[in-house]
Amino acid sequence: MSSAPTVKAEGDEIVIRLPRSEAHGLMVALSECPCRAVKSNATKTIRNRLSKALGRLISR
């Protein structure tokens, strides 16, 4: 049985915990939106970095 995702602060850091089985779904949710709306490069970079980190963890 997997635990529910949690988000909490630990000092100056935010910690997100989620079951490994939900990591791929989060990667999909972080993928770039196909719409033509203006998007921030800063948030695009954050999404890409988080998605790549999740991919590395899934492959272990």
C-alpha atoms as a PDB file:
ATOM      1  CA  MET A   1       0.000   0.000   0.000  1.00  0.00           C
ATOM      2  CA  SER A   2       1.425   3.398  -0.918  1.00  0.00           C
ATOM      3  CA  SER A   3       1.154   6.523   1.165  1.00  0.00           C
ATOM      4  CA  ALA A   4      -0.585   9.731   0.146  1.00  0.00           C
ATOM      5  CA  PRO A   5       1.564  12.527  -1.308  1.00  0.00           C
ATOM      6  CA  THR A   6       2.660  15.176   1.191  1.00  0.00           C
ATOM      7  CA  VAL A   7       4.219  18.627   0.960  1.00  0.00           C
ATOM      8  CA  LYS A   8       5.942  20.242   3.934  1.00  0.00           C
ATOM      9  CA  ALA A   9       8.604  22.739   4.884  1.00  0.00           C
ATOM     10  CA  GLU A  10      11.885  21.542   6.390  1.00  0.00           C
ATOM     11  CA  GLY A  11      13.855  24.629   7.296  1.00  0.00           C
ATOM     12  CA  ASP A  12      14.375  26.688   4.135  1.00  0.00           C
ATOM     13  CA  GLU A  13      13.390  23.814   1.837  1.00  0.00           C
ATOM     14  CA  ILE A  14      10.053  22.489   0.600  1.00  0.00           C
ATOM     15  CA  VAL A  15       9.845  18.683   0.618  1.00  0.00           C
ATOM     16  CA  ILE A  16       7.429  16.874  -1.692  1.00  0.00           C
ATOM     17  CA  ARG A  17       6.903  13.185  -0.983  1.00  0.00           C
ATOM     18  CA  LEU A  18       4.882  10.980  -3.268  1.00  0.00           C
ATOM     19  CA  PRO A  19       4.716   7.264  -3.972  1.00  0.00           C
ATOM     20  CA  ARG A  20       7.108   6.087  -6.696  1.00  0.00           C
ATOM     21  CA  SER A  21       4.047   4.780  -8.563  1.00  0.00           C
ATOM     22  CA  GLU A  22       2.817   8.383  -9.004  1.00  0.00           C
ATOM     23  CA  ALA A  23       6.114   9.830 -10.276  1.00  0.00           C
ATOM     24  CA  HIS A  24       5.374   9.204 -13.964  1.00  0.00           C
ATOM     25  CA  GLY A  25       1.999  10.931 -13.652  1.00  0.00           C
ATOM     26  CA  LEU A  26       3.717  13.977 -12.184  1.00  0.00           C
ATOM     27  CA  MET A  27       6.214  13.973 -15.067  1.00  0.00           C
ATOM     28  CA  VAL A  28       3.302  13.983 -17.521  1.00  0.00           C
ATOM     29  CA  ALA A  29       1.628  16.826 -15.619  1.00  0.00           C
ATOM     30  CA  LEU A  30       4.872  18.836 -15.825  1.00  0.00           C
ATOM     31  CA  SER A  31       5.209  18.445 -19.589  1.00  0.00           C
ATOM     32  CA  GLU A  32       4.926  21.532 -21.754  1.00  0.00           C
ATOM     33  CA  CYS A  33       1.450  22.740 -22.586  1.00  0.00           C
ATOM     34  CA  PRO A  34       0.751  22.625 -26.345  1.00  0.00           C
ATOM     35  CA  CYS A  35      -1.189  25.903 -26.279  1.00  0.00           C
ATOM     36  CA  ARG A  36       0.361  29.030 -27.759  1.00  0.00           C
ATOM     37  CA  ALA A  37       0.032  31.158 -24.627  1.00  0.00           C
ATOM     38  CA  VAL A  38       3.110  33.034 -23.440  1.00  0.00           C
ATOM     39  CA  LYS A  39       5.064  30.995 -20.904  1.00  0.00           C
ATOM     40  CA  SER A  40       7.765  32.004 -18.470  1.00  0.00           C
ATOM     41  CA  ASN A  41      11.236  30.650 -19.247  1.00  0.00           C
ATOM     42  CA  ALA A  42      11.944  30.462 -15.528  1.00  0.00           C
ATOM     43  CA  THR A  43       8.979  28.176 -14.836  1.00  0.00           C
ATOM     44  CA  LYS A  44       9.783  26.129 -17.939  1.00  0.00           C
ATOM     45  CA  THR A  45      13.270  25.531 -16.554  1.00  0.00           C
ATOM     46  CA  ILE A  46      11.866  24.488 -13.167  1.00  0.00           C
ATOM     47  CA  ARG A  47       9.423  22.050 -14.806  1.00  0.00           C
ATOM     48  CA  ASN A  48      12.163  20.565 -16.980  1.00  0.00           C
ATOM     49  CA  ARG A  49      14.593  20.120 -14.089  1.00  0.00           C
ATOM     50  CA  LEU A  50      11.972  18.503 -11.870  1.00  0.00           C
ATOM     51  CA  SER A  51      10.795  16.212 -14.661  1.00  0.00           C
ATOM     52  CA  LYS A  52      14.366  15.083 -15.445  1.00  0.00           C
ATOM     53  CA  ALA A  53      15.068  14.426 -11.757  1.00  0.00           C
ATOM     54  CA  LEU A  54      11.914  12.311 -11.500  1.00  0.00           C
ATOM     55  CA  GLY A  55      12.949  10.385 -14.607  1.00  0.00           C
ATOM     56  CA  ARG A  56      16.340   9.585 -13.080  1.00  0.00           C
ATOM     57  CA  LEU A  57      14.673   8.349  -9.888  1.00  0.00           C
ATOM     58  CA  ILE A  58      12.160   6.205 -11.775  1.00  0.00           C
ATOM     59  CA  SER A  59      14.926   4.506 -13.754  1.00  0.00           C
ATOM     60  CA  ARG A  60      16.753   3.328 -10.610  1.00  0.00           C
END
